[in-house]
Protein backbone atom coordinates (compact mmCIF):
# COMPACT_ATOMS: atom_id res chain seq x y z
CA MET A 1 84.79 126.18 111.52
CA ALA A 2 86.87 123.55 110.28
CA ARG A 3 85.70 123.21 107.33
CA LYS A 4 85.30 126.84 106.63
CA PHE A 5 88.97 127.23 106.96
CA ILE A 6 89.45 124.53 104.91
CA TYR A 7 87.27 126.07 102.09
CA ILE A 8 89.08 129.80 102.93
CA GLY A 9 92.17 128.22 102.72
CA GLY A 10 92.01 126.05 99.80
CA ILE A 11 91.55 129.26 97.70
CA PRO A 12 95.11 131.19 97.44
CA LEU A 13 96.57 127.46 97.18
CA PHE A 14 94.63 127.35 94.03
CA LEU A 15 95.01 130.28 92.48
CA MET A 16 98.82 130.21 93.23
CA GLY A 17 98.79 126.76 91.34
CA ILE A 18 96.92 128.72 88.53
CA TRP A 19 99.52 131.22 88.51
CA LEU A 20 102.47 128.82 88.38
CA ALA A 21 100.97 126.91 85.51
CA THR A 22 101.58 130.02 83.42
CA LYS A 23 104.92 130.77 84.27
CA THR A 24 108.04 129.78 82.54
CA PHE A 25 111.21 128.17 84.62
CA SER A 26 114.95 128.57 84.07
CA GLY A 27 114.48 130.81 81.52
CA VAL A 28 112.75 128.88 79.00
CA SER A 29 109.79 130.29 77.45
CA GLN A 30 106.85 128.78 75.74
CA LEU A 31 106.57 128.32 71.81
CA PRO A 32 103.90 130.88 70.80
CA PRO A 33 100.86 128.36 68.95
CA THR A 34 102.73 129.34 65.42
CA SER A 35 105.61 128.21 66.11
CA LEU A 36 104.98 124.14 67.04
CA PRO A 37 107.59 122.03 65.60
CA LYS A 38 107.12 120.71 61.82
CA GLN A 39 105.65 116.56 61.70
CA PRO A 40 108.96 114.52 61.52
CA THR A 41 109.89 112.95 58.67
CA ILE A 42 110.11 109.38 58.34
CA ASP A 43 113.82 108.23 58.53
CA SER A 44 114.82 104.49 57.04
CA GLN A 45 116.61 104.06 59.85
CA LYS A 46 114.60 104.40 62.44
CA ILE A 47 111.74 102.06 64.07
CA LEU A 48 108.02 103.77 64.79
CA VAL A 49 106.73 101.44 67.63
CA MET A 50 103.16 101.41 68.73
CA GLY A 51 101.46 100.87 71.99
CA VAL A 52 97.80 100.93 73.07
CA GLY A 53 96.31 99.65 76.12
CA ASP A 54 93.70 96.95 76.86
CA ILE A 55 91.86 95.88 73.69
CA MET A 56 88.26 94.65 74.83
CA LEU A 57 86.16 94.91 71.33
CA GLY A 58 83.22 93.43 73.26
CA SER A 59 82.08 90.30 74.97
CA ASN A 60 79.63 87.58 74.35
CA TYR A 61 79.48 86.40 77.25
CA PRO A 62 77.16 86.22 79.40
CA SER A 63 74.71 87.30 76.16
CA ILE A 64 75.54 88.13 72.82
CA HIS A 65 73.55 91.56 73.26
CA LEU A 66 76.79 92.88 74.69
CA LEU A 67 78.42 92.50 71.63
CA PRO A 68 78.77 95.88 69.71
CA PRO A 69 76.83 97.03 66.55
CA LYS A 70 78.26 95.82 62.71
CA ASP A 71 79.94 93.09 64.55
CA GLY A 72 82.48 95.25 66.26
CA VAL A 73 83.71 96.12 62.48
CA GLU A 74 84.14 99.72 62.94
CA LEU A 75 85.62 100.13 66.51
CA LEU A 76 88.96 100.53 65.49
CA LYS A 77 88.15 102.47 62.25
CA GLU A 78 89.73 105.86 63.94
CA ALA A 79 92.89 104.25 65.16
CA THR A 80 93.62 102.21 61.97
CA PRO A 81 95.35 104.65 60.08
CA LEU A 82 97.65 105.69 63.13
CA LEU A 83 98.75 101.71 64.11
CA GLN A 84 98.53 100.83 60.61
CA SER A 85 101.74 103.67 59.84
CA ALA A 86 103.42 102.08 62.60
CA ASP A 87 106.17 99.32 62.09
CA LEU A 88 105.29 97.58 65.09
CA ALA A 89 101.82 97.94 66.82
CA PHE A 90 101.40 95.78 70.34
CA GLY A 91 98.55 95.99 72.36
CA ASN A 92 96.69 93.92 75.36
CA LEU A 93 94.01 91.72 74.57
CA GLU A 94 91.90 91.92 77.78
CA GLY A 95 90.14 88.52 77.57
CA VAL A 96 89.52 85.51 75.75
CA LEU A 97 88.60 84.59 72.01
CA MET A 98 86.21 82.41 72.41
CA THR A 99 83.16 81.93 69.98
CA GLY A 100 81.71 78.62 71.93
CA LYS A 101 80.55 78.24 75.39
CA GLY A 102 83.15 77.90 78.23
CA VAL A 103 82.93 77.99 82.35
CA PRO A 104 83.57 81.46 83.11
CA LYS A 105 85.86 81.95 86.37
CA HIS A 106 83.61 81.64 89.77
CA CYS A 107 82.80 84.87 91.18
CA GLN A 108 82.28 85.79 95.07
CA ASP A 109 80.45 88.84 94.28
CA GLU A 110 78.24 88.36 90.76
CA LYS A 111 77.34 92.13 91.11
CA HIS A 112 80.56 92.98 90.75
CA CYS A 113 82.18 90.11 88.00
CA TYR A 114 83.78 91.13 84.92
CA VAL A 115 84.26 88.28 82.43
CA PHE A 116 85.22 89.17 78.59
CA LYS A 117 84.72 86.68 76.05
CA SER A 118 85.24 87.68 72.53
CA PRO A 119 84.22 85.62 68.88
CA ASP A 120 87.40 83.63 67.47
CA HIS A 121 86.58 86.28 64.42
CA TYR A 122 87.00 89.59 66.37
CA VAL A 123 90.58 88.72 65.87
CA HIS A 124 90.42 89.74 62.36
CA HIS A 125 89.70 93.50 64.01
CA LEU A 126 92.91 93.55 65.64
CA SER A 127 95.13 92.19 62.39
CA ALA A 128 93.05 94.46 59.82
CA ALA A 129 93.69 97.72 62.19
CA GLY A 130 97.44 96.68 62.44
CA ILE A 131 97.87 95.11 65.70
CA ASP A 132 100.90 93.01 65.02
CA VAL A 133 101.96 91.90 68.56
CA VAL A 134 99.01 91.41 71.48
CA SER A 135 100.11 90.71 75.43
CA ILE A 136 97.78 88.21 76.47
CA ALA A 137 99.01 88.49 80.24
CA ASN A 138 96.34 89.84 82.41
CA ASN A 139 93.69 89.06 84.80
CA HIS A 140 91.44 88.57 81.95
CA THR A 141 93.25 85.90 80.45
CA GLY A 142 92.06 83.39 82.93
CA ASP A 143 88.15 84.18 82.52
CA PHE A 144 87.56 81.03 81.19
CA GLY A 145 90.21 78.65 82.67
CA GLN A 146 92.91 76.90 80.45
CA LYS A 147 90.25 76.25 77.85
CA GLY A 148 89.60 80.10 77.11
CA ARG A 149 93.83 80.28 77.22
CA GLU A 150 94.33 77.54 75.06
CA HIS A 151 91.80 78.37 72.57
CA THR A 152 92.52 81.94 72.58
CA VAL A 153 96.53 81.26 71.60
CA GLU A 154 95.08 78.81 68.88
CA VAL A 155 92.75 81.79 67.24
CA LEU A 156 95.83 84.13 67.36
CA LYS A 157 98.33 81.37 65.71
CA LYS A 158 95.85 80.73 63.25
CA GLU A 159 95.51 84.59 62.34
CA GLY A 160 99.42 84.94 62.36
CA LEU A 161 98.93 87.22 65.45
CA ILE A 162 102.33 87.27 67.29
CA PHE A 163 101.64 86.94 70.89
CA ALA A 164 103.46 86.90 74.64
CA GLY A 165 102.45 86.33 77.82
CA HIS A 166 101.10 82.49 78.03
CA ILE A 167 102.91 80.28 80.69
CA GLU A 168 103.70 78.04 77.46
CA TYR A 169 104.28 80.71 75.21
CA PRO A 170 105.52 83.62 77.76
CA TYR A 171 107.53 85.61 74.93
């Protein structure tokens, strides 16, 4: 009986939600599709900053077979024009950059353990796409311990990418 009441009681609420979503409030009307705003013009007095979330280009741990096709070259292909149009593009590097072997973190449940390690040269994919700054302050920065963190910092420095979030290099 209670289940039937929930189903029946939910229908009017659902319909009311749809009705409210189609209404305008405070006398403000919706713009017709033909009068959408024009593309903004570029003003030399303004800076375009673009941010993206977690960047995980592929992991060579526990197997290189987990790496993407074509060595990841095309992963950021669609985003590249947008990122390159920004004066400053920022993203979160989810994992470490480390081609060689490393000691992964210990997980209590191996079935639900996520450890990310991308090859060193994947850093070129970031810079080629237009990424200028990466954060390395996240839950996967320590996936390969201090060695992984330090190696990632070295790789980013060699590429000339600015980074923040390492305890020795907070900004």
